[in-house]
Structure formats: structure tokens, C-alpha cells
N, C-alpha and C. Protein backbone atom coordinates (compact mmCIF):
# COMPACT_ATOMS: atom_id res chain seq x y z
N UNK A 1 86.73 117.68 99.91
CA UNK A 1 88.67 117.68 99.96
C UNK A 1 88.56 116.58 100.73
N UNK A 2 89.30 115.53 101.15
CA UNK A 2 89.36 114.53 101.96
C UNK A 2 91.14 114.77 102.09
N UNK A 3 91.34 115.15 103.65
CA UNK A 3 92.77 115.59 104.14
C UNK A 3 92.84 114.48 105.35
N UNK A 4 93.77 114.01 105.82
CA UNK A 4 94.18 112.79 106.55
C UNK A 4 95.91 113.12 106.68
N UNK A 5 95.88 113.48 108.32
CA UNK A 5 97.59 113.38 109.05
C UNK A 5 98.11 111.86 109.11
N UNK A 6 96.97 110.97 109.39
CA UNK A 6 97.67 109.73 109.87
C UNK A 6 95.98 108.08 109.15
N UNK A 7 96.91 107.88 108.89
CA UNK A 7 96.15 105.92 108.33
C UNK A 7 97.05 105.42 109.16
N UNK A 8 95.93 104.45 109.81
CA UNK A 8 96.86 102.97 110.34
C UNK A 8 97.21 102.69 108.88
N UNK A 9 96.91 102.07 108.09
CA UNK A 9 97.24 101.54 107.29
C UNK A 9 98.62 101.94 106.17
N UNK A 10 98.63 103.33 106.28
CA UNK A 10 99.81 103.73 105.69
C UNK A 10 100.66 104.20 106.31
N UNK A 11 102.01 103.34 106.73
CA UNK A 11 102.91 103.52 106.93
C UNK A 11 103.97 104.55 107.05
N UNK A 12 104.60 104.58 107.93
CA UNK A 12 106.22 104.71 107.54
C UNK A 12 106.95 104.71 106.53
N UNK A 13 106.98 103.66 106.25
CA UNK A 13 108.12 103.11 104.94
C UNK A 13 107.41 104.00 103.76
N UNK A 14 106.10 104.39 103.83
CA UNK A 14 105.88 104.97 101.88
C UNK A 14 105.36 106.48 102.19
N UNK A 15 106.29 107.03 103.90
CA UNK A 15 106.38 108.67 104.36
C UNK A 15 105.95 109.37 102.92
N UNK A 16 107.21 108.87 101.65
CA UNK A 16 107.12 109.71 100.34
C UNK A 16 106.19 109.82 99.63
N UNK A 17 105.21 108.66 99.73
CA UNK A 17 103.85 108.28 98.80
C UNK A 17 102.52 108.55 99.36
N UNK A 18 102.82 109.20 100.11
CA UNK A 18 101.71 109.49 101.38
C UNK A 18 100.27 109.76 100.34
N UNK A 19 100.18 110.58 99.99
CA UNK A 19 99.30 111.82 98.66
C UNK A 19 98.98 109.92 97.76
N UNK A 20 99.93 110.10 97.39
CA UNK A 20 99.84 109.52 95.84
C UNK A 20 98.93 107.35 96.69
N UNK A 21 99.22 107.53 97.19
CA UNK A 21 98.68 105.70 98.20
C UNK A 21 97.40 106.39 98.47
N UNK A 22 97.01 107.73 99.62
CA UNK A 22 95.52 107.93 99.45
C UNK A 22 94.77 108.07 98.75
N UNK A 23 95.52 109.11 98.02
CA UNK A 23 94.70 109.03 96.39
C UNK A 23 94.03 107.66 95.70
N UNK A 24 94.49 106.15 95.41
CA UNK A 24 94.31 105.14 95.37
C UNK A 24 93.69 104.47 95.98
N UNK A 25 93.39 104.93 97.57
CA UNK A 25 92.67 104.17 98.20
C UNK A 25 90.64 104.94 98.02
N UNK A 26 90.78 106.07 97.91
CA UNK A 26 89.96 107.34 97.23
C UNK A 26 89.41 107.35 96.60
N UNK A 27 90.39 106.85 95.33
CA UNK A 27 89.76 106.13 94.04
C UNK A 27 89.27 104.28 93.84
N UNK A 28 90.04 103.71 94.99
CA UNK A 28 89.33 102.04 95.16
C UNK A 28 87.65 102.68 95.37
N UNK A 29 87.11 103.16 96.77
CA UNK A 29 86.71 103.30 97.13
C UNK A 29 85.62 103.87 95.77
N UNK A 30 85.85 104.75 95.50
CA UNK A 30 84.95 105.46 94.37
C UNK A 30 84.48 104.22 93.71
N UNK A 31 85.13 103.50 93.04
CA UNK A 31 85.17 102.33 92.36
C UNK A 31 83.68 101.19 93.16
N UNK A 32 84.03 100.86 94.07
CA UNK A 32 83.62 100.66 94.87
C UNK A 32 82.32 100.99 94.72
N UNK A 33 81.85 101.74 95.09
CA UNK A 33 80.63 102.69 94.91
C UNK A 33 80.07 102.46 93.91
N UNK A 34 80.70 102.09 92.47
CA UNK A 34 80.30 102.23 91.22
C UNK A 34 79.68 103.65 90.65
N UNK A 35 80.82 104.52 91.19
CA UNK A 35 81.00 106.25 90.38
C UNK A 35 81.20 105.98 89.00
N UNK A 36 81.07 106.64 87.79
CA UNK A 36 82.01 107.31 86.95
C UNK A 36 82.92 108.48 87.19
N UNK A 37 84.24 107.74 87.34
CA UNK A 37 85.44 109.41 87.46
C UNK A 37 85.87 109.59 86.08
N UNK A 38 86.99 110.83 86.35
CA UNK A 38 87.57 111.63 85.50
C UNK A 38 88.39 111.72 85.99
N UNK A 39 89.48 112.36 85.36
CA UNK A 39 91.01 113.33 85.95
C UNK A 39 90.75 114.79 85.46
N UNK A 40 90.24 115.69 86.13
CA UNK A 40 90.93 116.94 85.17
C UNK A 40 92.08 117.80 85.23
N UNK A 41 92.68 118.22 84.27
CA UNK A 41 93.84 118.87 84.18
C UNK A 41 93.54 120.37 83.32
N UNK A 42 93.58 120.85 83.58
CA UNK A 42 93.49 122.85 82.63
C UNK A 42 94.68 123.75 83.56
N UNK A 43 94.45 124.24 83.94
CA UNK A 43 94.52 125.16 84.83
C UNK A 43 95.65 124.96 85.88
N UNK A 44 94.35 124.57 86.21
CA UNK A 44 94.57 123.32 87.56
C UNK A 44 93.89 122.28 87.54
N UNK A 45 94.24 121.07 88.47
CA UNK A 45 94.06 119.58 87.98
C UNK A 45 92.97 119.67 89.89
N UNK A 46 91.93 118.50 88.95
CA UNK A 46 91.12 117.43 90.28
C UNK A 46 91.08 116.48 90.30
N UNK A 47 91.60 115.96 91.38
CA UNK A 47 91.23 114.54 91.73
C UNK A 47 90.56 113.62 91.07
N UNK A 48 89.27 113.84 90.70
CA UNK A 48 88.19 113.14 90.37
C UNK A 48 87.18 113.83 90.85
N UNK A 49 86.99 113.79 89.32
CA UNK A 49 85.63 114.28 88.84
C UNK A 49 84.17 113.18 88.79
N UNK A 50 83.48 113.11 89.05
CA UNK A 50 82.19 112.62 89.92
C UNK A 50 81.54 112.53 89.18
N UNK A 51 81.00 111.73 87.96
CA UNK A 51 79.71 111.92 86.88
C UNK A 51 78.65 111.09 86.58
N UNK A 52 77.61 111.53 87.20
CA UNK A 52 76.09 110.84 87.21
C UNK A 52 74.96 111.40 85.59
N UNK A 53 75.24 110.08 84.74
CA UNK A 53 74.75 110.58 83.54
C UNK A 53 75.12 110.98 83.05
N UNK A 54 74.89 112.78 81.95
CA UNK A 54 75.32 113.37 81.16
C UNK A 54 76.64 114.76 81.92
N UNK A 55 76.00 114.81 83.48
CA UNK A 55 76.55 116.06 84.34
C UNK A 55 77.22 115.53 85.11
N UNK A 56 78.52 116.66 85.31
CA UNK A 56 79.39 116.23 86.01
C UNK A 56 78.04 116.64 87.69
N UNK A 57 79.36 115.47 88.81
CA UNK A 57 78.03 115.76 90.17
C UNK A 57 78.85 116.57 91.18
N UNK A 58 79.86 115.52 91.49
CA UNK A 58 80.90 116.27 92.41
C UNK A 58 82.42 115.79 91.85
N UNK A 59 82.96 116.79 92.43
CA UNK A 59 84.51 117.46 92.31
C UNK A 59 85.40 117.39 93.53
N UNK A 60 86.23 115.35 93.63
CA UNK A 60 86.38 115.28 95.31
C UNK A 60 88.12 115.73 94.79
N UNK A 61 88.65 116.40 95.97
CA UNK A 61 89.81 116.87 95.88
C UNK A 61 90.83 115.89 97.33
N UNK A 62 91.93 115.49 96.53
CA UNK A 62 92.56 114.74 97.80
C UNK A 62 93.77 115.27 98.14
N UNK A 63 94.22 115.33 99.68
CA UNK A 63 95.86 115.94 99.98
C UNK A 63 95.78 115.13 101.03
N UNK A 64 97.46 114.62 101.66
CA UNK A 64 97.57 113.94 102.71
C UNK A 64 97.37 114.94 104.30
N UNK A 65 98.06 115.75 103.04
CA UNK A 65 97.42 117.25 104.38
C UNK A 65 97.43 118.28 104.40
N UNK A 66 96.23 119.64 104.24
CA UNK A 66 96.24 120.47 104.15
C UNK A 66 96.82 121.39 104.91
N UNK A 67 97.83 122.30 104.36
CA UNK A 67 98.46 123.90 104.74
C UNK A 67 98.28 125.12 103.96
N UNK A 68 98.79 126.15 104.90
CA UNK A 68 98.67 127.33 104.10
C UNK A 68 99.21 127.24 103.01
N UNK A 69 100.60 126.69 102.73
CA UNK A 69 101.19 126.57 101.56
C UNK A 69 100.65 126.12 100.57
N UNK A 70 100.09 125.10 100.91
CA UNK A 70 99.02 123.96 99.73
C UNK A 70 97.76 124.32 99.57
N UNK A 71 97.29 125.23 100.45
CA UNK A 71 95.50 125.10 100.05
C UNK A 71 95.24 126.07 98.73
N UNK A 72 95.94 127.33 98.21
CA UNK A 72 95.43 128.08 96.87
C UNK A 72 95.95 126.41 95.87
N UNK A 73 96.54 125.49 95.81
CA UNK A 73 97.09 124.71 95.20
C UNK A 73 95.72 123.38 95.17
N UNK A 74 95.60 122.99 96.31
CA UNK A 74 94.27 122.15 96.69
C UNK A 74 92.47 122.96 96.27
N UNK A 75 92.52 124.01 96.54
CA UNK A 75 90.66 124.98 96.68
C UNK A 75 90.58 125.77 95.19
N UNK A 76 89.83 125.03 94.66
CA UNK A 76 89.54 125.99 93.35
C UNK A 76 88.44 127.56 93.72
N UNK A 77 88.13 128.06 93.17
CA UNK A 77 86.92 129.07 93.47
C UNK A 77 85.97 128.76 93.86
N UNK A 78 85.51 127.69 93.83
CA UNK A 78 84.04 127.32 94.40
C UNK A 78 84.11 126.56 96.28
N UNK A 79 82.76 126.68 96.72
CA UNK A 79 82.74 126.42 97.42
C UNK A 79 82.79 125.13 97.89
N UNK A 80 83.87 124.88 99.14
CA UNK A 80 84.93 123.31 99.08
C UNK A 80 83.93 123.00 100.73
N UNK A 81 83.87 122.14 100.37
CA UNK A 81 84.16 121.27 101.83
C UNK A 81 84.57 120.53 102.35
N UNK A 82 85.45 120.82 103.68
CA UNK A 82 87.33 119.68 103.82
C UNK A 82 86.63 118.60 104.69
N UNK A 83 86.92 117.54 104.96
CA UNK A 83 86.40 115.72 105.27
C UNK A 83 87.64 115.41 105.47
N UNK A 84 87.82 114.92 106.59
CA UNK A 84 88.86 114.18 107.01
C UNK A 84 88.48 112.72 106.06
N UNK A 85 89.46 111.95 105.41
CA UNK A 85 89.51 110.83 104.60
C UNK A 85 88.59 109.66 105.49
N UNK A 86 88.94 109.27 106.48
CA UNK A 86 88.88 108.59 107.68
C UNK A 86 87.10 108.32 107.53
N UNK A 87 86.74 109.46 107.52
CA UNK A 87 85.22 109.94 108.05
C UNK A 87 85.03 109.13 106.70
N UNK A 88 85.05 110.25 105.25
CA UNK A 88 84.70 110.12 103.67
C UNK A 88 84.30 108.87 103.77
N UNK A 89 85.00 108.06 103.56
CA UNK A 89 85.66 106.62 104.13
C UNK A 89 84.97 105.75 104.46
N UNK A 90 83.97 106.76 105.61
CA UNK A 90 83.67 105.76 106.51
C UNK A 90 81.53 105.40 106.28
N UNK A 91 81.81 106.56 105.46
CA UNK A 91 80.24 107.29 104.53
C UNK A 91 79.81 106.10 103.09
N UNK A 92 78.94 106.26 102.93
CA UNK A 92 78.16 105.31 102.28
C UNK A 92 76.07 105.45 101.67
N UNK A 93 75.84 106.20 100.68
CA UNK A 93 74.83 106.46 100.28
C UNK A 93 74.50 105.06 99.01
N UNK A 94 72.78 104.94 99.04
CA UNK A 94 73.03 104.23 97.83
C UNK A 94 73.11 104.97 96.77
N UNK A 95 73.67 106.34 96.86
CA UNK A 95 73.68 107.30 95.36
C UNK A 95 74.86 107.16 94.96
N UNK A 96 76.23 106.67 95.54
CA UNK A 96 77.56 106.58 96.00
C UNK A 96 78.54 107.69 96.52
N UNK A 97 77.86 109.01 96.99
CA UNK A 97 78.44 109.77 96.86
C UNK A 97 78.13 110.28 98.95
N UNK A 98 78.37 111.10 99.15
CA UNK A 98 78.66 111.27 100.66
C UNK A 98 77.49 112.46 100.72
N UNK A 99 76.30 112.52 101.16
CA UNK A 99 76.41 113.97 101.85
C UNK A 99 76.44 115.19 102.28
N UNK A 100 77.52 114.78 103.25
CA UNK A 100 78.77 115.85 104.13
C UNK A 100 79.38 116.66 103.10
């Protein structure tokens, strides 16, 4: 799960679109890391399913701000790590995903 309250590149004029802009920033970075990406929507949704070979490897959910009001919508029943987007964007491994 990636969250951020402020990102210098995303200014106030885009306030209503911050979440979508952040999702686009993450998608661009995942493409840069040459990952195979999918979106999942059923009863719940997941922004990015990262696949390696024939199996899903990571699930990444992106939101601008994580609060008590939206945490049930953003979380699944799986073990989850919350990481600020700026920190995730600064990490890079040859396998395309952060170990954090």
C-alpha cells in the first residue's frame, strides 16, 4: 500500500485528482521497472497485480491518504505493508520490486 500526503510534483490545482495522479506515477514507475501489470476488480479491487512468469507476485494498492474512513476499502484480508510513495519510488531492485 502506498500513501502520501504531499508530493511536490502534485500541486494544489490538481487537488481533486491527486489519487489518480499518484496511481499514474506508480504505474509509470512500474512500467519503468519492466513489470507485467494487471488491474483486478471483483467485489474488491486492487490497483496493480504484478505478475512474474505465470503467477502473481505482488499486489500494490495506491491511495493519496490512508484514514480510518477508507482503510477498510483499501485493505484486503492479506498481510499488508504500508509504505509512503516517496520511499517506494526511491527504492529499486533488479527484480523490479522493492523488498520493503
